[in-house]
């Protein structure tokens, strides 16, 4: 295996645990609840965050113990990183599983952990906690960083 270049350009199966964890850009998008249509299986994104997500920083407040408090918290793995269609297109795990480079605002590329927020890819300051949200189907939104395809069409006519 050629390990020239930075580790975030290596195939995912060559990373150690620390390198794997370092891929996370801290956007918090994977910590938002999703709603699945029981008939079609379609996944809808919400603006409702896990109770452990710090709404101002988009970081987990107890990452090491999250499974204790949120048993269904999903752990991204080599096996599921490429198959979870609801992961945002900007997710480092998804991008690397697809053989794509990290975006220029990713902190490993630019050296600035705040760049994800300035790029508008973070949920910080944009979401509410599940502890106050009420029914999830009242909070369906478009994924962060993606434009609504019909944006503006309703206003025209």
C-alpha atoms as a PDB file:
ATOM      1  CA  UNK A   1       0.000   0.000   0.000  1.00  0.00           C
ATOM      2  CA  UNK A   2       1.331   3.354  -1.010  1.00  0.00           C
ATOM      3  CA  UNK A   3       0.858   5.677   1.943  1.00  0.00           C
ATOM      4  CA  UNK A   4       2.228   8.739   0.247  1.00  0.00           C
ATOM      5  CA  UNK A   5       0.186  11.835   0.800  1.00  0.00           C
ATOM      6  CA  UNK A   6      -2.101  12.699   3.683  1.00  0.00           C
ATOM      7  CA  UNK A   7      -4.068   9.892   5.348  1.00  0.00           C
ATOM      8  CA  UNK A   8      -7.421  11.395   4.325  1.00  0.00           C
ATOM      9  CA  UNK A   9      -6.545  10.554   0.726  1.00  0.00           C
ATOM     10  CA  UNK A  10      -5.936   6.884   1.552  1.00  0.00           C
ATOM     11  CA  UNK A  11      -8.568   4.183   1.054  1.00  0.00           C
ATOM     12  CA  UNK A  12     -10.805   3.919   4.121  1.00  0.00           C
ATOM     13  CA  UNK A  13      -9.720   0.357   4.846  1.00  0.00           C
ATOM     14  CA  UNK A  14      -6.136   1.562   5.414  1.00  0.00           C
ATOM     15  CA  UNK A  15      -6.994   4.011   8.200  1.00  0.00           C
ATOM     16  CA  UNK A  16      -6.451   3.331  11.883  1.00  0.00           C
ATOM     17  CA  UNK A  17      -9.140   4.271  14.408  1.00  0.00           C
ATOM     18  CA  UNK A  18      -7.699   7.719  15.109  1.00  0.00           C
ATOM     19  CA  UNK A  19      -7.472   8.545  11.420  1.00  0.00           C
ATOM     20  CA  UNK A  20     -11.011   7.243  10.872  1.00  0.00           C
ATOM     21  CA  UNK A  21     -12.385   9.450  13.652  1.00  0.00           C
ATOM     22  CA  UNK A  22     -10.420  12.433  12.333  1.00  0.00           C
ATOM     23  CA  UNK A  23     -12.307  12.275   9.025  1.00  0.00           C
ATOM     24  CA  UNK A  24     -15.415  13.715  10.677  1.00  0.00           C
ATOM     25  CA  UNK A  25     -15.747  17.385   9.724  1.00  0.00           C
ATOM     26  CA  UNK A  26     -18.065  18.150  12.651  1.00  0.00           C
ATOM     27  CA  UNK A  27     -21.029  19.262  10.544  1.00  0.00           C
ATOM     28  CA  UNK A  28     -23.525  17.402  12.761  1.00  0.00           C
ATOM     29  CA  UNK A  29     -25.752  16.401   9.850  1.00  0.00           C
ATOM     30  CA  UNK A  30     -25.604  12.717  10.737  1.00  0.00           C
ATOM     31  CA  UNK A  31     -26.922  13.607  14.224  1.00  0.00           C
ATOM     32  CA  UNK A  32     -30.238  14.847  12.861  1.00  0.00           C
ATOM     33  CA  UNK A  33     -33.309  12.651  13.000  1.00  0.00           C
ATOM     34  CA  UNK A  34     -34.670  11.283   9.766  1.00  0.00           C
ATOM     35  CA  UNK A  35     -38.218  10.158   8.975  1.00  0.00           C
ATOM     36  CA  UNK A  36     -38.810   7.137   6.760  1.00  0.00           C
ATOM     37  CA  UNK A  37     -41.984   6.785   4.712  1.00  0.00           C
ATOM     38  CA  UNK A  38     -43.368   3.381   5.699  1.00  0.00           C
ATOM     39  CA  UNK A  39     -44.799   2.769   2.217  1.00  0.00           C
ATOM     40  CA  UNK A  40     -41.978   3.950  -0.037  1.00  0.00           C
ATOM     41  CA  UNK A  41     -38.927   3.720   2.218  1.00  0.00           C
ATOM     42  CA  UNK A  42     -38.020   7.282   1.242  1.00  0.00           C
ATOM     43  CA  UNK A  43     -35.945   9.087   3.862  1.00  0.00           C
ATOM     44  CA  UNK A  44     -36.825  12.649   4.825  1.00  0.00           C
ATOM     45  CA  UNK A  45     -34.429  14.919   6.692  1.00  0.00           C
ATOM     46  CA  UNK A  46     -35.511  16.988   9.690  1.00  0.00           C
ATOM     47  CA  UNK A  47     -34.112  19.933  11.591  1.00  0.00           C
ATOM     48  CA  UNK A  48     -34.333  17.949  14.843  1.00  0.00           C
ATOM     49  CA  UNK A  49     -31.052  17.050  16.511  1.00  0.00           C
ATOM     50  CA  UNK A  50     -30.172  14.233  18.853  1.00  0.00           C
ATOM     51  CA  UNK A  51     -30.454  15.272  22.483  1.00  0.00           C
ATOM     52  CA  UNK A  52     -26.663  14.984  22.838  1.00  0.00           C
ATOM     53  CA  UNK A  53     -25.817  17.396  20.020  1.00  0.00           C
ATOM     54  CA  UNK A  54     -24.580  20.813  21.126  1.00  0.00           C
ATOM     55  CA  UNK A  55     -26.778  23.073  18.995  1.00  0.00           C
ATOM     56  CA  UNK A  56     -24.212  25.889  18.934  1.00  0.00           C
ATOM     57  CA  UNK A  57     -21.149  23.847  17.942  1.00  0.00           C
ATOM     58  CA  UNK A  58     -22.723  20.844  16.146  1.00  0.00           C
ATOM     59  CA  UNK A  59     -20.582  18.493  18.245  1.00  0.00           C
ATOM     60  CA  UNK A  60     -21.713  15.601  20.418  1.00  0.00           C
ATOM     61  CA  UNK A  61     -21.661  16.523  24.096  1.00  0.00           C
ATOM     62  CA  UNK A  62     -20.776  12.967  25.177  1.00  0.00           C
ATOM     63  CA  UNK A  63     -19.344  11.197  22.141  1.00  0.00           C
ATOM     64  CA  UNK A  64     -17.486   8.538  24.130  1.00  0.00           C
ATOM     65  CA  UNK A  65     -20.651   7.457  25.968  1.00  0.00           C
ATOM     66  CA  UNK A  66     -23.275   8.309  23.350  1.00  0.00           C
ATOM     67  CA  UNK A  67     -24.470   4.723  22.879  1.00  0.00           C
ATOM     68  CA  UNK A  68     -25.287   4.540  26.599  1.00  0.00           C
ATOM     69  CA  UNK A  69     -27.681   7.499  26.304  1.00  0.00           C
ATOM     70  CA  UNK A  70     -28.777   7.011  22.680  1.00  0.00           C
ATOM     71  CA  UNK A  71     -28.771   3.245  22.037  1.00  0.00           C
ATOM     72  CA  UNK A  72     -29.759   3.632  18.382  1.00  0.00           C
ATOM     73  CA  UNK A  73     -26.965   6.114  17.632  1.00  0.00           C
ATOM     74  CA  UNK A  74     -25.449   4.896  14.389  1.00  0.00           C
ATOM     75  CA  UNK A  75     -21.749   4.195  14.228  1.00  0.00           C
ATOM     76  CA  UNK A  76     -20.308   4.828  10.785  1.00  0.00           C
ATOM     77  CA  UNK A  77     -18.195   1.912   9.648  1.00  0.00           C
ATOM     78  CA  UNK A  78     -16.242   0.881   6.603  1.00  0.00           C
ATOM     79  CA  UNK A  79     -19.160  -1.384   5.715  1.00  0.00           C
ATOM     80  CA  UNK A  80     -21.962   1.184   5.944  1.00  0.00           C
ATOM     81  CA  UNK A  81     -20.213   4.419   4.895  1.00  0.00           C
ATOM     82  CA  UNK A  82     -20.869   3.829   1.203  1.00  0.00           C
ATOM     83  CA  UNK A  83     -24.386   2.465   1.595  1.00  0.00           C
ATOM     84  CA  UNK A  84     -26.124   5.067   3.768  1.00  0.00           C
ATOM     85  CA  UNK A  85     -27.844   7.191   1.138  1.00  0.00           C
ATOM     86  CA  UNK A  86     -29.017   9.714   3.719  1.00  0.00           C
ATOM     87  CA  UNK A  87     -25.462  10.790   4.550  1.00  0.00           C
ATOM     88  CA  UNK A  88     -24.918  14.233   3.060  1.00  0.00           C
ATOM     89  CA  UNK A  89     -22.995  14.318  -0.234  1.00  0.00           C
ATOM     90  CA  UNK A  90     -20.339  16.359   1.597  1.00  0.00           C
ATOM     91  CA  UNK A  91     -19.744  13.703   4.295  1.00  0.00           C
ATOM     92  CA  UNK A  92     -16.060  12.770   4.395  1.00  0.00           C
ATOM     93  CA  UNK A  93     -16.870   9.106   5.020  1.00  0.00           C
ATOM     94  CA  UNK A  94     -19.215   8.978   2.044  1.00  0.00           C
ATOM     95  CA  UNK A  95     -16.820  10.912  -0.186  1.00  0.00           C
ATOM     96  CA  UNK A  96     -13.845   8.718   0.659  1.00  0.00           C
ATOM     97  CA  UNK A  97     -15.915   5.518   0.320  1.00  0.00           C
ATOM     98  CA  UNK A  98     -16.751   6.735  -3.193  1.00  0.00           C
ATOM     99  CA  UNK A  99     -13.082   7.541  -3.898  1.00  0.00           C
ATOM    100  CA  UNK A 100     -13.725  11.290  -3.947  1.00  0.00           C
ATOM    101  CA  UNK A 101     -11.539  13.989  -2.354  1.00  0.00           C
ATOM    102  CA  UNK A 102     -12.554  15.959   0.712  1.00  0.00           C
ATOM    103  CA  UNK A 103     -14.059  19.411   0.093  1.00  0.00           C
ATOM    104  CA  UNK A 104     -11.787  22.442   0.352  1.00  0.00           C
ATOM    105  CA  UNK A 105     -13.539  23.605   3.543  1.00  0.00           C
ATOM    106  CA  UNK A 106     -12.820  20.330   5.382  1.00  0.00           C
ATOM    107  CA  UNK A 107     -10.516  21.087   8.311  1.00  0.00           C
ATOM    108  CA  UNK A 108      -8.034  18.391   7.279  1.00  0.00           C
ATOM    109  CA  UNK A 109      -7.616  20.159   3.935  1.00  0.00           C
ATOM    110  CA  UNK A 110      -7.680  23.805   5.050  1.00  0.00           C
ATOM    111  CA  UNK A 111      -6.489  23.499   8.662  1.00  0.00           C
ATOM    112  CA  UNK A 112      -9.466  25.401  10.090  1.00  0.00           C
ATOM    113  CA  UNK A 113     -12.162  23.590  12.121  1.00  0.00           C
ATOM    114  CA  UNK A 114     -14.486  26.587  11.766  1.00  0.00           C
ATOM    115  CA  UNK A 115     -14.491  26.430   7.948  1.00  0.00           C
ATOM    116  CA  UNK A 116     -17.332  23.872   7.941  1.00  0.00           C
ATOM    117  CA  UNK A 117     -19.541  26.441   9.672  1.00  0.00           C
ATOM    118  CA  UNK A 118     -18.559  29.329   7.391  1.00  0.00           C
ATOM    119  CA  UNK A 119     -19.218  27.141   4.353  1.00  0.00           C
ATOM    120  CA  UNK A 120     -22.795  26.636   5.556  1.00  0.00           C
ATOM    121  CA  UNK A 121     -22.372  22.870   5.818  1.00  0.00           C
ATOM    122  CA  UNK A 122     -22.838  22.681   9.581  1.00  0.00           C
ATOM    123  CA  UNK A 123     -26.117  22.417  11.473  1.00  0.00           C
ATOM    124  CA  UNK A 124     -24.811  24.732  14.216  1.00  0.00           C
ATOM    125  CA  UNK A 125     -27.438  27.343  15.027  1.00  0.00           C
ATOM    126  CA  UNK A 126     -29.905  25.877  12.499  1.00  0.00           C
ATOM    127  CA  UNK A 127     -31.572  23.029  14.370  1.00  0.00           C
ATOM    128  CA  UNK A 128     -33.593  22.275  17.496  1.00  0.00           C
ATOM    129  CA  UNK A 129     -33.217  19.538  20.076  1.00  0.00           C
ATOM    130  CA  UNK A 130     -35.394  16.463  20.094  1.00  0.00           C
ATOM    131  CA  UNK A 131     -36.220  17.347  23.699  1.00  0.00           C
ATOM    132  CA  UNK A 132     -38.416  20.249  22.525  1.00  0.00           C
ATOM    133  CA  UNK A 133     -39.300  19.356  18.937  1.00  0.00           C
ATOM    134  CA  UNK A 134     -42.553  17.449  19.174  1.00  0.00           C
ATOM    135  CA  UNK A 135     -43.594  15.249  16.218  1.00  0.00           C
ATOM    136  CA  UNK A 136     -40.740  14.733  13.749  1.00  0.00           C
ATOM    137  CA  UNK A 137     -43.026  14.910  10.731  1.00  0.00           C
ATOM    138  CA  UNK A 138     -43.577  18.603  11.571  1.00  0.00           C
ATOM    139  CA  UNK A 139     -39.860  19.261  11.039  1.00  0.00           C
ATOM    140  CA  UNK A 140     -39.062  17.832   7.607  1.00  0.00           C
ATOM    141  CA  UNK A 141     -36.530  20.005   5.755  1.00  0.00           C
ATOM    142  CA  UNK A 142     -34.108  19.805   2.844  1.00  0.00           C
ATOM    143  CA  UNK A 143     -30.618  18.504   3.705  1.00  0.00           C
ATOM    144  CA  UNK A 144     -28.089  21.183   4.599  1.00  0.00           C
ATOM    145  CA  UNK A 145     -25.849  22.165   1.718  1.00  0.00           C
ATOM    146  CA  UNK A 146     -28.349  21.039  -0.914  1.00  0.00           C
ATOM    147  CA  UNK A 147     -30.539  23.428  -2.865  1.00  0.00           C
ATOM    148  CA  UNK A 148     -34.234  22.672  -3.181  1.00  0.00           C
ATOM    149  CA  UNK A 149     -34.774  21.691  -6.833  1.00  0.00           C
ATOM    150  CA  UNK A 150     -37.999  23.657  -7.078  1.00  0.00           C
ATOM    151  CA  UNK A 151     -36.596  26.678  -5.233  1.00  0.00           C
ATOM    152  CA  UNK A 152     -38.444  29.777  -6.364  1.00  0.00           C
ATOM    153  CA  UNK A 153     -40.829  27.967  -8.698  1.00  0.00           C
ATOM    154  CA  UNK A 154     -43.802  28.348  -6.367  1.00  0.00           C
ATOM    155  CA  UNK A 155     -43.285  32.106  -6.193  1.00  0.00           C
ATOM    156  CA  UNK A 156     -43.457  32.420  -9.994  1.00  0.00           C
ATOM    157  CA  UNK A 157     -46.852  31.110 -10.433  1.00  0.00           C
END
